[in-house]
Amino acid sequence: MKIAIRRIGNSKGVIIPAEFLSRVGLEGVADIRLNNGSLAISPPKKTRSLWLGKGQPKTGCGG
């Protein structure tokens, strides 16, 4: 599937189809990384603080 890369402020982004998000369990926050020349987006790894309901996952956006 081809998707458009869109300008979002000073960044770029894509719209991910809802079916894709539900199939991999993405909701709210995701991990993103480079993987051999590709972008990989996955559900965030659960940390002990999240297991215990303490704190919020870090978004890497300074907020």
C-alpha atoms as a PDB file:
ATOM      1  CA  MET A   1       0.000   0.000   0.000  1.00  0.00           C
ATOM      2  CA  LYS A   2       1.320   3.447  -0.865  1.00  0.00           C
ATOM      3  CA  ILE A   3       0.518   6.374   1.427  1.00  0.00           C
ATOM      4  CA  ALA A   4       1.233  10.089   1.207  1.00  0.00           C
ATOM      5  CA  ILE A   5       3.855  11.718   3.422  1.00  0.00           C
ATOM      6  CA  ARG A   6       2.301  14.930   4.733  1.00  0.00           C
ATOM      7  CA  ARG A   7       3.709  18.060   6.276  1.00  0.00           C
ATOM      8  CA  ILE A   8       2.786  18.440   9.964  1.00  0.00           C
ATOM      9  CA  GLY A   9       4.252  21.699  11.254  1.00  0.00           C
ATOM     10  CA  ASN A  10       8.033  21.454  10.811  1.00  0.00           C
ATOM     11  CA  SER A  11       7.843  17.655  10.582  1.00  0.00           C
ATOM     12  CA  LYS A  12       6.380  15.082   8.222  1.00  0.00           C
ATOM     13  CA  GLY A  13       3.887  12.340   8.964  1.00  0.00           C
ATOM     14  CA  VAL A  14       1.663   9.646   7.529  1.00  0.00           C
ATOM     15  CA  ILE A  15      -1.905   8.577   8.181  1.00  0.00           C
ATOM     16  CA  ILE A  16      -1.941   4.927   9.236  1.00  0.00           C
ATOM     17  CA  PRO A  17      -5.158   3.084   8.376  1.00  0.00           C
ATOM     18  CA  ALA A  18      -7.213   2.154  11.471  1.00  0.00           C
ATOM     19  CA  GLU A  19      -7.240  -1.525  10.453  1.00  0.00           C
ATOM     20  CA  PHE A  20      -3.424  -1.617  10.557  1.00  0.00           C
ATOM     21  CA  LEU A  21      -3.372  -0.006  13.990  1.00  0.00           C
ATOM     22  CA  SER A  22      -5.900  -2.432  15.445  1.00  0.00           C
ATOM     23  CA  ARG A  23      -4.165  -5.479  13.944  1.00  0.00           C
ATOM     24  CA  VAL A  24      -0.884  -4.662  15.702  1.00  0.00           C
ATOM     25  CA  GLY A  25      -2.448  -3.258  18.881  1.00  0.00           C
ATOM     26  CA  LEU A  26      -1.349   0.368  18.524  1.00  0.00           C
ATOM     27  CA  GLU A  27      -3.274   2.938  20.516  1.00  0.00           C
ATOM     28  CA  GLY A  28      -2.130   6.275  21.918  1.00  0.00           C
ATOM     29  CA  VAL A  29       1.659   5.808  21.987  1.00  0.00           C
ATOM     30  CA  ALA A  30       4.040   3.806  19.807  1.00  0.00           C
ATOM     31  CA  ASP A  31       7.748   3.016  19.549  1.00  0.00           C
ATOM     32  CA  ILE A  32       9.426   3.982  16.261  1.00  0.00           C
ATOM     33  CA  ARG A  33      12.894   2.958  15.085  1.00  0.00           C
ATOM     34  CA  LEU A  34      15.013   2.571  11.986  1.00  0.00           C
ATOM     35  CA  ASN A  35      15.381  -1.037  10.869  1.00  0.00           C
ATOM     36  CA  ASN A  36      17.697  -1.706   7.892  1.00  0.00           C
ATOM     37  CA  GLY A  37      16.567   1.331   5.904  1.00  0.00           C
ATOM     38  CA  SER A  38      12.900   1.064   6.914  1.00  0.00           C
ATOM     39  CA  LEU A  39      10.799   2.606   9.662  1.00  0.00           C
ATOM     40  CA  ALA A  40       9.398   0.160  12.193  1.00  0.00           C
ATOM     41  CA  ILE A  41       6.448   1.208  14.366  1.00  0.00           C
ATOM     42  CA  SER A  42       5.346  -1.071  17.187  1.00  0.00           C
ATOM     43  CA  PRO A  43       3.436  -0.999  20.472  1.00  0.00           C
ATOM     44  CA  PRO A  44       5.625   0.423  23.254  1.00  0.00           C
ATOM     45  CA  LYS A  45       7.536  -1.990  25.429  1.00  0.00           C
ATOM     46  CA  LYS A  46       5.949  -2.215  28.831  1.00  0.00           C
ATOM     47  CA  THR A  47       8.193  -1.023  31.632  1.00  0.00           C
ATOM     48  CA  ARG A  48       7.836  -1.932  35.258  1.00  0.00           C
ATOM     49  CA  SER A  49       6.493   1.561  36.069  1.00  0.00           C
ATOM     50  CA  LEU A  50       3.739   1.094  33.473  1.00  0.00           C
ATOM     51  CA  TRP A  51       2.927  -2.388  34.816  1.00  0.00           C
ATOM     52  CA  LEU A  52       2.382  -0.835  38.220  1.00  0.00           C
ATOM     53  CA  GLY A  53       0.342   2.042  36.807  1.00  0.00           C
ATOM     54  CA  LYS A  54       2.986   4.642  37.702  1.00  0.00           C
ATOM     55  CA  GLY A  55       3.836   7.414  35.302  1.00  0.00           C
ATOM     56  CA  GLN A  56       3.193   7.867  31.625  1.00  0.00           C
ATOM     57  CA  PRO A  57       5.194   6.442  28.740  1.00  0.00           C
ATOM     58  CA  LYS A  58       7.786   8.849  27.361  1.00  0.00           C
ATOM     59  CA  THR A  59       6.891  10.166  23.930  1.00  0.00           C
ATOM     60  CA  GLY A  60      10.329  11.521  23.038  1.00  0.00           C
ATOM     61  CA  CYS A  61       8.744  14.867  22.198  1.00  0.00           C
ATOM     62  CA  GLY A  62       9.951  16.700  25.294  1.00  0.00           C
ATOM     63  CA  GLY A  63       6.536  16.828  26.885  1.00  0.00           C
END
